[in-house]
Amino acid sequence: MRIIFQAIFATFVASAGLAQGTEIAFGGVEHDTTAPVEVTADGLSVDQSTGQAVFSGSVLILQGALRLSADKVSVEYGSSDGTSDITTLTANGNVLFVTASDEAQAENAVYDVANGTVQMTGNVLLSQGPAVVSSDAMFINLDTGAATLSGRVKTTLQSNTNQ
């Protein structure tokens, strides 16, 4: 935990003057974007003509060690080559994205399965052990484990000394 604190502190000190964003490590797992995607929800509607499925009500999505939950998730599948692979998951409402070591909450998230990226927006709250960071948006690259927080970034830095 001390290493996480030091990494976050160093990141914030190094980027204190930058309004563009703050980059931190995210994930703690190697992720396979080709792994099967398991979805559980209260309801499902499918539109074959648009290549979209909408899951609603307590949606839970699992892919390997990743877990995504939300009120509603739109799944786009298919491509110009005629495959039925999932291309994008768009989650809305009470979004929770969890890996083996980190947890992020937001109002919305878009998971680009093919590119292995997640864009979270709206009151983002990232928890890494005892460290908590909030921002307007967060972009996660699942291949590299890097996350960039942008907008108004806020955290509380605490001393490790016992008093």
N, C-alpha and C. Protein backbone atom coordinates (compact mmCIF):
# COMPACT_ATOMS: atom_id res chain seq x y z
N MET A 1 0.80 -1.19 0.00
CA MET A 1 0.00 0.00 0.00
C MET A 1 0.86 1.27 0.00
N ARG A 2 2.00 1.20 0.66
CA ARG A 2 2.87 2.37 0.69
C ARG A 2 3.36 2.71 -0.71
N ILE A 3 3.62 1.65 -1.52
CA ILE A 3 4.07 1.87 -2.89
C ILE A 3 2.98 2.58 -3.69
N ILE A 4 1.72 2.16 -3.53
CA ILE A 4 0.61 2.80 -4.23
C ILE A 4 0.55 4.27 -3.85
N PHE A 5 0.64 4.56 -2.54
CA PHE A 5 0.60 5.94 -2.07
C PHE A 5 1.74 6.75 -2.68
N GLN A 6 2.95 6.19 -2.66
CA GLN A 6 4.10 6.90 -3.20
C GLN A 6 3.93 7.16 -4.70
N ALA A 7 3.41 6.17 -5.42
CA ALA A 7 3.20 6.33 -6.87
C ALA A 7 2.17 7.41 -7.15
N ILE A 8 1.07 7.40 -6.41
CA ILE A 8 0.04 8.41 -6.60
C ILE A 8 0.57 9.79 -6.22
N PHE A 9 1.29 9.87 -5.10
CA PHE A 9 1.85 11.14 -4.67
C PHE A 9 2.82 11.68 -5.71
N ALA A 10 3.71 10.82 -6.20
CA ALA A 10 4.67 11.25 -7.21
C ALA A 10 3.96 11.72 -8.48
N THR A 11 2.92 11.02 -8.86
CA THR A 11 2.16 11.40 -10.05
C THR A 11 1.53 12.77 -9.87
N PHE A 12 0.93 13.01 -8.70
CA PHE A 12 0.27 14.29 -8.48
C PHE A 12 1.27 15.43 -8.36
N VAL A 13 2.41 15.19 -7.73
CA VAL A 13 3.42 16.24 -7.61
C VAL A 13 3.97 16.57 -8.99
N ALA A 14 4.25 15.54 -9.78
CA ALA A 14 4.83 15.76 -11.11
C ALA A 14 3.87 16.46 -12.05
N SER A 15 2.56 16.25 -11.85
CA SER A 15 1.59 16.82 -12.78
C SER A 15 0.72 17.89 -12.15
N ALA A 16 1.15 18.46 -11.06
CA ALA A 16 0.31 19.43 -10.34
C ALA A 16 -0.12 20.59 -11.22
N GLY A 17 0.72 21.01 -12.14
CA GLY A 17 0.38 22.14 -12.98
C GLY A 17 -0.30 21.75 -14.28
N LEU A 18 -0.52 20.49 -14.53
CA LEU A 18 -1.09 20.05 -15.80
C LEU A 18 -2.60 19.87 -15.68
N ALA A 19 -3.34 20.54 -16.53
CA ALA A 19 -4.79 20.41 -16.54
C ALA A 19 -5.23 19.29 -17.48
N GLN A 20 -4.32 18.77 -18.29
CA GLN A 20 -4.66 17.75 -19.28
C GLN A 20 -5.08 16.45 -18.65
N GLY A 21 -4.45 16.02 -17.58
CA GLY A 21 -4.82 14.76 -16.96
C GLY A 21 -3.69 14.20 -16.14
N THR A 22 -4.02 13.17 -15.38
CA THR A 22 -3.08 12.52 -14.51
C THR A 22 -3.06 11.04 -14.87
N GLU A 23 -1.88 10.47 -15.09
CA GLU A 23 -1.79 9.07 -15.46
C GLU A 23 -1.36 8.24 -14.25
N ILE A 24 -2.06 7.12 -14.03
CA ILE A 24 -1.71 6.21 -12.95
C ILE A 24 -1.85 4.77 -13.45
N ALA A 25 -1.33 3.84 -12.68
CA ALA A 25 -1.45 2.42 -13.03
C ALA A 25 -2.86 1.96 -12.67
N PHE A 26 -3.41 1.06 -13.48
CA PHE A 26 -4.75 0.55 -13.23
C PHE A 26 -4.79 -0.92 -13.60
N GLY A 27 -5.49 -1.71 -12.82
CA GLY A 27 -5.80 -3.07 -13.23
C GLY A 27 -5.18 -4.17 -12.42
N GLY A 28 -3.89 -4.31 -12.49
CA GLY A 28 -3.24 -5.39 -11.75
C GLY A 28 -3.42 -6.76 -12.37
N VAL A 29 -4.05 -6.85 -13.54
CA VAL A 29 -4.23 -8.14 -14.21
C VAL A 29 -3.92 -7.98 -15.68
N GLU A 30 -3.48 -9.07 -16.29
CA GLU A 30 -3.36 -9.06 -17.74
C GLU A 30 -4.73 -9.45 -18.27
N HIS A 31 -5.21 -8.69 -19.23
CA HIS A 31 -6.58 -8.91 -19.70
C HIS A 31 -6.59 -9.45 -21.12
N ASP A 32 -7.44 -10.44 -21.36
CA ASP A 32 -7.60 -11.04 -22.67
C ASP A 32 -8.92 -10.55 -23.27
N THR A 33 -8.84 -9.60 -24.21
CA THR A 33 -10.06 -9.05 -24.81
C THR A 33 -10.78 -10.06 -25.70
N THR A 34 -10.14 -11.20 -25.98
CA THR A 34 -10.81 -12.23 -26.79
C THR A 34 -11.55 -13.25 -25.93
N ALA A 35 -11.44 -13.14 -24.61
CA ALA A 35 -12.14 -14.06 -23.71
C ALA A 35 -13.66 -13.88 -23.86
N PRO A 36 -14.43 -14.94 -23.60
CA PRO A 36 -15.89 -14.83 -23.69
C PRO A 36 -16.43 -13.77 -22.73
N VAL A 37 -17.52 -13.13 -23.13
CA VAL A 37 -18.18 -12.12 -22.31
C VAL A 37 -19.49 -12.73 -21.80
N GLU A 38 -19.62 -12.82 -20.47
CA GLU A 38 -20.83 -13.37 -19.86
C GLU A 38 -21.68 -12.21 -19.34
N VAL A 39 -22.97 -12.21 -19.69
CA VAL A 39 -23.86 -11.12 -19.29
C VAL A 39 -25.06 -11.69 -18.53
N THR A 40 -25.40 -11.07 -17.41
CA THR A 40 -26.59 -11.40 -16.63
C THR A 40 -27.37 -10.11 -16.43
N ALA A 41 -28.69 -10.14 -16.65
CA ALA A 41 -29.52 -8.94 -16.49
C ALA A 41 -30.97 -9.35 -16.26
N ASP A 42 -31.78 -8.36 -15.86
CA ASP A 42 -33.21 -8.61 -15.67
C ASP A 42 -33.97 -8.66 -16.99
N GLY A 43 -33.47 -7.95 -18.01
CA GLY A 43 -34.16 -7.92 -19.30
C GLY A 43 -33.20 -7.76 -20.46
N LEU A 44 -33.68 -8.12 -21.66
CA LEU A 44 -32.87 -8.02 -22.87
C LEU A 44 -33.76 -7.70 -24.05
N SER A 45 -33.33 -6.74 -24.87
CA SER A 45 -33.98 -6.48 -26.15
C SER A 45 -32.90 -6.49 -27.22
N VAL A 46 -33.21 -7.11 -28.37
CA VAL A 46 -32.24 -7.26 -29.45
C VAL A 46 -32.80 -6.69 -30.74
N ASP A 47 -31.96 -5.93 -31.44
CA ASP A 47 -32.31 -5.41 -32.76
C ASP A 47 -31.29 -5.95 -33.76
N GLN A 48 -31.66 -7.00 -34.47
CA GLN A 48 -30.75 -7.65 -35.41
C GLN A 48 -30.34 -6.70 -36.54
N SER A 49 -31.23 -5.81 -36.95
CA SER A 49 -30.92 -4.93 -38.08
C SER A 49 -29.83 -3.92 -37.76
N THR A 50 -29.72 -3.51 -36.48
CA THR A 50 -28.69 -2.54 -36.11
C THR A 50 -27.49 -3.20 -35.44
N GLY A 51 -27.60 -4.47 -35.13
CA GLY A 51 -26.49 -5.15 -34.45
C GLY A 51 -26.31 -4.69 -33.03
N GLN A 52 -27.43 -4.49 -32.32
CA GLN A 52 -27.36 -3.98 -30.96
C GLN A 52 -28.28 -4.78 -30.04
N ALA A 53 -27.79 -5.06 -28.85
CA ALA A 53 -28.58 -5.69 -27.80
C ALA A 53 -28.53 -4.77 -26.59
N VAL A 54 -29.66 -4.60 -25.90
CA VAL A 54 -29.72 -3.75 -24.72
C VAL A 54 -30.14 -4.60 -23.53
N PHE A 55 -29.23 -4.69 -22.55
CA PHE A 55 -29.50 -5.39 -21.30
C PHE A 55 -29.91 -4.35 -20.28
N SER A 56 -30.94 -4.65 -19.49
CA SER A 56 -31.40 -3.67 -18.51
C SER A 56 -31.70 -4.34 -17.17
N GLY A 57 -31.55 -3.56 -16.11
CA GLY A 57 -31.86 -4.02 -14.77
C GLY A 57 -30.76 -4.88 -14.16
N SER A 58 -30.00 -4.32 -13.25
CA SER A 58 -28.95 -5.05 -12.53
C SER A 58 -28.05 -5.84 -13.48
N VAL A 59 -27.49 -5.16 -14.46
CA VAL A 59 -26.65 -5.81 -15.46
C VAL A 59 -25.28 -6.12 -14.86
N LEU A 60 -24.83 -7.33 -15.05
CA LEU A 60 -23.50 -7.76 -14.62
C LEU A 60 -22.80 -8.42 -15.79
N ILE A 61 -21.62 -7.89 -16.14
CA ILE A 61 -20.84 -8.41 -17.26
C ILE A 61 -19.50 -8.89 -16.72
N LEU A 62 -19.12 -10.11 -17.10
CA LEU A 62 -17.85 -10.69 -16.70
C LEU A 62 -17.05 -11.04 -17.95
N GLN A 63 -15.76 -10.70 -17.92
CA GLN A 63 -14.85 -11.13 -18.97
C GLN A 63 -13.51 -11.38 -18.30
N GLY A 64 -13.14 -12.64 -18.17
CA GLY A 64 -11.93 -12.98 -17.43
C GLY A 64 -12.04 -12.44 -16.01
N ALA A 65 -11.02 -11.69 -15.57
CA ALA A 65 -11.01 -11.13 -14.22
C ALA A 65 -11.70 -9.77 -14.13
N LEU A 66 -12.24 -9.26 -15.25
CA LEU A 66 -12.92 -7.97 -15.23
C LEU A 66 -14.39 -8.16 -14.92
N ARG A 67 -14.94 -7.17 -14.18
CA ARG A 67 -16.37 -7.17 -13.88
C ARG A 67 -16.91 -5.76 -14.11
N LEU A 68 -18.01 -5.67 -14.85
CA LEU A 68 -18.67 -4.40 -15.13
C LEU A 68 -20.14 -4.55 -14.76
N SER A 69 -20.65 -3.64 -13.94
CA SER A 69 -22.07 -3.67 -13.62
C SER A 69 -22.65 -2.28 -13.84
N ALA A 70 -23.94 -2.24 -14.19
CA ALA A 70 -24.62 -0.97 -14.46
C ALA A 70 -26.12 -1.20 -14.49
N ASP A 71 -26.88 -0.10 -14.55
CA ASP A 71 -28.34 -0.19 -14.68
C ASP A 71 -28.73 -0.68 -16.07
N LYS A 72 -27.96 -0.24 -17.09
CA LYS A 72 -28.28 -0.58 -18.48
C LYS A 72 -26.98 -0.67 -19.28
N VAL A 73 -26.89 -1.67 -20.15
CA VAL A 73 -25.71 -1.83 -21.00
C VAL A 73 -26.16 -2.15 -22.42
N SER A 74 -25.70 -1.33 -23.37
CA SER A 74 -25.94 -1.57 -24.79
C SER A 74 -24.73 -2.30 -25.34
N VAL A 75 -24.99 -3.38 -26.07
CA VAL A 75 -23.92 -4.18 -26.65
C VAL A 75 -24.02 -4.08 -28.16
N GLU A 76 -22.96 -3.59 -28.78
CA GLU A 76 -22.92 -3.54 -30.24
C GLU A 76 -22.04 -4.69 -30.71
N TYR A 77 -22.53 -5.38 -31.71
CA TYR A 77 -21.77 -6.50 -32.24
C TYR A 77 -21.84 -6.49 -33.75
N GLY A 78 -20.96 -7.28 -34.34
CA GLY A 78 -20.90 -7.32 -35.79
C GLY A 78 -19.93 -6.30 -36.32
N SER A 79 -19.56 -6.47 -37.56
CA SER A 79 -18.64 -5.55 -38.21
C SER A 79 -18.85 -5.62 -39.70
N SER A 80 -18.08 -4.88 -40.43
CA SER A 80 -18.21 -4.86 -41.88
C SER A 80 -17.86 -6.20 -42.52
N ASP A 81 -17.10 -7.03 -41.79
CA ASP A 81 -16.73 -8.33 -42.37
C ASP A 81 -17.76 -9.42 -42.04
N GLY A 82 -18.88 -9.04 -41.42
CA GLY A 82 -19.97 -9.98 -41.19
C GLY A 82 -19.84 -10.83 -39.94
N THR A 83 -18.83 -10.60 -39.09
CA THR A 83 -18.70 -11.39 -37.87
C THR A 83 -19.68 -10.90 -36.82
N SER A 84 -19.92 -11.72 -35.82
CA SER A 84 -20.85 -11.33 -34.76
C SER A 84 -20.11 -11.08 -33.45
N ASP A 85 -18.86 -10.70 -33.52
CA ASP A 85 -18.08 -10.40 -32.32
C ASP A 85 -18.59 -9.12 -31.66
N ILE A 86 -18.51 -9.08 -30.34
CA ILE A 86 -18.86 -7.86 -29.61
C ILE A 86 -17.81 -6.81 -29.88
N THR A 87 -18.25 -5.61 -30.26
CA THR A 87 -17.31 -4.53 -30.52
C THR A 87 -17.27 -3.51 -29.40
N THR A 88 -18.45 -3.15 -28.86
CA THR A 88 -18.52 -2.09 -27.85
C THR A 88 -19.59 -2.40 -26.82
N LEU A 89 -19.28 -2.12 -25.55
CA LEU A 89 -20.25 -2.18 -24.46
C LEU A 89 -20.40 -0.76 -23.93
N THR A 90 -21.61 -0.23 -23.92
CA THR A 90 -21.87 1.11 -23.41
C THR A 90 -22.76 0.99 -22.18
N ALA A 91 -22.20 1.34 -21.02
CA ALA A 91 -22.91 1.19 -19.74
C ALA A 91 -23.39 2.55 -19.25
N ASN A 92 -24.61 2.57 -18.72
CA ASN A 92 -25.19 3.81 -18.20
C ASN A 92 -25.84 3.55 -16.85
N GLY A 93 -25.61 4.46 -15.92
CA GLY A 93 -26.25 4.42 -14.61
C GLY A 93 -25.56 3.50 -13.62
N ASN A 94 -25.04 4.08 -12.54
CA ASN A 94 -24.43 3.30 -11.46
C ASN A 94 -23.38 2.32 -11.97
N VAL A 95 -22.47 2.80 -12.80
CA VAL A 95 -21.46 1.94 -13.40
C VAL A 95 -20.38 1.62 -12.37
N LEU A 96 -20.02 0.35 -12.31
CA LEU A 96 -18.95 -0.13 -11.44
C LEU A 96 -18.06 -1.03 -12.28
N PHE A 97 -16.76 -0.69 -12.38
CA PHE A 97 -15.79 -1.45 -13.16
C PHE A 97 -14.74 -1.95 -12.19
N VAL A 98 -14.56 -3.28 -12.10
CA VAL A 98 -13.70 -3.87 -11.09
C VAL A 98 -12.69 -4.82 -11.73
N THR A 99 -11.43 -4.70 -11.29
CA THR A 99 -10.39 -5.66 -11.65
C THR A 99 -9.95 -6.35 -10.36
N ALA A 100 -8.90 -7.15 -10.43
CA ALA A 100 -8.43 -7.86 -9.24
C ALA A 100 -7.98 -6.91 -8.14
N SER A 101 -7.47 -5.72 -8.50
CA SER A 101 -6.91 -4.83 -7.49
C SER A 101 -7.55 -3.44 -7.43
N ASP A 102 -8.34 -3.06 -8.43
CA ASP A 102 -8.88 -1.71 -8.48
C ASP A 102 -10.39 -1.73 -8.70
N GLU A 103 -11.01 -0.60 -8.33
CA GLU A 103 -12.45 -0.44 -8.52
C GLU A 103 -12.71 1.00 -8.95
N ALA A 104 -13.52 1.16 -9.99
CA ALA A 104 -13.86 2.51 -10.47
C ALA A 104 -15.37 2.62 -10.63
N GLN A 105 -15.92 3.74 -10.17
CA GLN A 105 -17.34 4.03 -10.30
C GLN A 105 -17.51 5.25 -11.19
N ALA A 106 -18.63 5.29 -11.91
CA ALA A 106 -18.93 6.44 -12.77
C ALA A 106 -20.40 6.40 -13.17
N GLU A 107 -20.84 7.45 -13.84
CA GLU A 107 -22.21 7.48 -14.35
C GLU A 107 -22.32 6.71 -15.66
N ASN A 108 -21.24 6.76 -16.49
CA ASN A 108 -21.25 6.11 -17.81
C ASN A 108 -19.89 5.50 -18.10
N ALA A 109 -19.89 4.48 -18.96
CA ALA A 109 -18.63 3.88 -19.41
C ALA A 109 -18.82 3.29 -20.80
N VAL A 110 -17.76 3.37 -21.61
CA VAL A 110 -17.75 2.73 -22.93
C VAL A 110 -16.52 1.83 -22.97
N TYR A 111 -16.77 0.53 -23.14
CA TYR A 111 -15.70 -0.45 -23.23
C TYR A 111 -15.56 -0.84 -24.69
N ASP A 112 -14.46 -0.43 -25.31
CA ASP A 112 -14.14 -0.79 -26.68
C ASP A 112 -13.39 -2.12 -26.61
N VAL A 113 -14.10 -3.21 -26.83
CA VAL A 113 -13.55 -4.54 -26.63
C VAL A 113 -12.38 -4.80 -27.58
N ALA A 114 -12.53 -4.44 -28.84
CA ALA A 114 -11.49 -4.71 -29.83
C ALA A 114 -10.18 -4.00 -29.50
N ASN A 115 -10.26 -2.77 -28.99
CA ASN A 115 -9.06 -2.00 -28.68
C ASN A 115 -8.60 -2.14 -27.23
N GLY A 116 -9.40 -2.80 -26.39
CA GLY A 116 -9.03 -2.99 -24.99
C GLY A 116 -8.96 -1.70 -24.21
N THR A 117 -9.93 -0.79 -24.44
CA THR A 117 -9.95 0.48 -23.72
C THR A 117 -11.30 0.70 -23.05
N VAL A 118 -11.28 1.44 -21.96
CA VAL A 118 -12.50 1.82 -21.25
C VAL A 118 -12.46 3.31 -21.01
N GLN A 119 -13.53 4.02 -21.39
CA GLN A 119 -13.67 5.46 -21.13
C GLN A 119 -14.81 5.62 -20.14
N MET A 120 -14.52 6.14 -18.96
CA MET A 120 -15.54 6.36 -17.93
C MET A 120 -15.75 7.86 -17.77
N THR A 121 -17.03 8.27 -17.64
CA THR A 121 -17.34 9.69 -17.50
C THR A 121 -18.42 9.89 -16.44
N GLY A 122 -18.40 11.08 -15.87
CA GLY A 122 -19.42 11.47 -14.90
C GLY A 122 -19.12 11.02 -13.49
N ASN A 123 -18.56 11.91 -12.69
CA ASN A 123 -18.28 11.64 -11.28
C ASN A 123 -17.50 10.35 -11.08
N VAL A 124 -16.35 10.25 -11.73
CA VAL A 124 -15.51 9.06 -11.63
C VAL A 124 -14.86 9.01 -10.26
N LEU A 125 -14.89 7.82 -9.66
CA LEU A 125 -14.26 7.60 -8.36
C LEU A 125 -13.44 6.32 -8.47
N LEU A 126 -12.11 6.44 -8.37
CA LEU A 126 -11.20 5.32 -8.49
C LEU A 126 -10.67 4.96 -7.11
N SER A 127 -10.79 3.68 -6.73
CA SER A 127 -10.27 3.19 -5.45
C SER A 127 -9.18 2.18 -5.72
N GLN A 128 -8.02 2.42 -5.13
CA GLN A 128 -6.89 1.50 -5.21
C GLN A 128 -6.44 1.26 -3.77
N GLY A 129 -6.98 0.21 -3.16
CA GLY A 129 -6.70 -0.02 -1.75
C GLY A 129 -7.24 1.17 -0.96
N PRO A 130 -6.43 1.77 -0.08
CA PRO A 130 -6.91 2.91 0.70
C PRO A 130 -6.89 4.23 -0.08
N ALA A 131 -6.25 4.25 -1.24
CA ALA A 131 -6.16 5.48 -2.03
C ALA A 131 -7.41 5.66 -2.87
N VAL A 132 -7.96 6.88 -2.86
CA VAL A 132 -9.16 7.20 -3.62
C VAL A 132 -8.89 8.48 -4.41
N VAL A 133 -9.23 8.44 -5.71
CA VAL A 133 -9.05 9.59 -6.59
C VAL A 133 -10.38 9.83 -7.31
N SER A 134 -10.81 11.08 -7.41
CA SER A 134 -12.02 11.40 -8.16
C SER A 134 -11.65 12.32 -9.32
N SER A 135 -12.47 12.25 -10.38
CA SER A 135 -12.25 13.10 -11.55
C SER A 135 -13.52 13.15 -12.38
N ASP A 136 -13.49 13.96 -13.43
CA ASP A 136 -14.63 14.05 -14.34
C ASP A 136 -14.65 12.88 -15.32
N ALA A 137 -13.45 12.39 -15.71
CA ALA A 137 -13.36 11.32 -16.69
C ALA A 137 -12.10 10.51 -16.46
N MET A 138 -12.13 9.25 -16.94
CA MET A 138 -10.95 8.39 -16.86
C MET A 138 -10.91 7.51 -18.10
N PHE A 139 -9.72 7.41 -18.68
CA PHE A 139 -9.49 6.55 -19.84
C PHE A 139 -8.54 5.45 -19.40
N ILE A 140 -8.91 4.18 -19.62
CA ILE A 140 -8.10 3.05 -19.20
C ILE A 140 -7.67 2.25 -20.42
N ASN A 141 -6.38 1.98 -20.53
CA ASN A 141 -5.86 1.08 -21.55
C ASN A 141 -5.60 -0.25 -20.86
N LEU A 142 -6.43 -1.26 -21.16
CA LEU A 142 -6.32 -2.54 -20.48
C LEU A 142 -5.08 -3.31 -20.89
N ASP A 143 -4.53 -3.03 -22.06
CA ASP A 143 -3.32 -3.71 -22.52
C ASP A 143 -2.10 -3.27 -21.72
N THR A 144 -2.00 -1.98 -21.43
CA THR A 144 -0.83 -1.45 -20.73
C THR A 144 -1.08 -1.28 -19.23
N GLY A 145 -2.35 -1.24 -18.81
CA GLY A 145 -2.66 -1.01 -17.41
C GLY A 145 -2.56 0.45 -17.01
N ALA A 146 -2.48 1.35 -17.98
CA ALA A 146 -2.38 2.79 -17.68
C ALA A 146 -3.78 3.41 -17.67
N ALA A 147 -4.00 4.30 -16.73
CA ALA A 147 -5.25 5.05 -16.66
C ALA A 147 -4.92 6.53 -16.61
N THR A 148 -5.67 7.32 -17.38
CA THR A 148 -5.50 8.77 -17.38
C THR A 148 -6.78 9.40 -16.87
N LEU A 149 -6.66 10.18 -15.80
CA LEU A 149 -7.80 10.88 -15.23
C LEU A 149 -7.76 12.32 -15.70
N SER A 150 -8.91 12.86 -16.08
CA SER A 150 -8.95 14.24 -16.57
C SER A 150 -10.15 14.97 -15.99
N GLY A 151 -10.15 16.26 -16.19
CA GLY A 151 -11.18 17.10 -15.57
C GLY A 151 -10.66 17.52 -14.21
N ARG A 152 -11.51 17.72 -13.30
CA ARG A 152 -11.12 18.13 -11.96
C ARG A 152 -10.71 16.90 -11.18
N VAL A 153 -9.39 16.69 -10.99
CA VAL A 153 -8.85 15.52 -10.30
C VAL A 153 -8.62 15.88 -8.84
N LYS A 154 -9.08 14.99 -7.94
CA LYS A 154 -8.96 15.28 -6.51
C LYS A 154 -8.63 14.00 -5.74
N THR A 155 -7.73 14.11 -4.77
CA THR A 155 -7.41 13.02 -3.86
C THR A 155 -6.98 13.60 -2.53
N THR A 156 -6.91 12.78 -1.52
CA THR A 156 -6.39 13.18 -0.22
C THR A 156 -5.13 12.40 0.04
N LEU A 157 -4.03 13.08 0.25
CA LEU A 157 -2.75 12.44 0.52
C LEU A 157 -2.57 12.36 2.03
N GLN A 158 -2.25 11.14 2.49
CA GLN A 158 -2.09 10.93 3.93
C GLN A 158 -0.68 10.48 4.23
N SER A 159 -0.19 10.85 5.37
CA SER A 159 1.15 10.46 5.82
C SER A 159 1.14 9.00 6.23
N ASN A 160 2.26 8.31 6.04
CA ASN A 160 2.39 6.92 6.48
C ASN A 160 2.98 6.80 7.87
N THR A 161 3.28 7.92 8.51
CA THR A 161 3.88 7.85 9.84
C THR A 161 2.81 7.57 10.87
N ASN A 162 3.16 6.73 11.84
CA ASN A 162 2.24 6.43 12.95
C ASN A 162 2.49 7.42 14.07
N GLN A 163 1.42 8.03 14.53
CA GLN A 163 1.57 9.01 15.61
C GLN A 163 0.87 8.53 16.84
